[in-house]
Amino acid sequence: MKKNKTIIAAFILLLIAFIGGTVAYLTDTDSQQNVFTLGNIDITLTEPNWVAANAQNIMPGAVIAKDPKINNVGTAGAYVFIKVEEPCYNGNKLFTYTADSAWAVVGSAGTCSGNGLATATTVYGYEANGEMNELAASASTSSLFSNVTLSSALTSADITGITTALGNDDLEIVVTGYGIQSTGLGTTTPATVWANFS
């Protein structure tokens, strides 16, 4: 009798294992493959009307076409700036220009104080009403200015002094463009945005 109980118990266990092994569970899976592309900031600074030959052997009062502008050739919107480094002599800027109203002064450095040659630096932001103006992809700014004028107050002695101070160097106005992403900055105040380049 004990042997029969053992056989029955073994049979029941085998039956339970068999039934448990054949139970089917309903299952399902699904997935999504999302494609992300990264945007980029890519600017160019151009001067469409600049002709290098027109800046040779110029005389006081000469007006030379020089029209720096920024083109957004990237895929994302950008906030843009132009830094102008211009020469001074004996405390006076050698060139003057009129900035377009779409640009506002963000900061300056290197005053024209002292004797001899020096460099004054001014940074302009492309803005409207105190807030940065986004330059969309494939768009261009207005020109910061359209021309520069050599000071008509220069004397022969000034020109000799400038030439001597320059030696073999050239008199230059250096214009540099800057661009930064317009999304995710958390601010649109020109000075605060410009601080990211510091």
Foldseek 3Di string as FASTA:
>chain_A
DVVVVVVVVVVVVVVVVVVVVPDDDDDDDDDDDDDDDDWDWDKDKDFVQADPVQPPPDDAFDKGWGFIKMFTQTQAKKWKKKKKKFKAAAQGTFKDFDFDPQKDWLDKDWGSHDHGITIIMTMITRPDPQFTDIAGHRGMDGTRTGIMGGHNPDDPVRVVRNCVRQPPHDRDIDMDMDIDGPPPPPGGGVNVVVVVVD
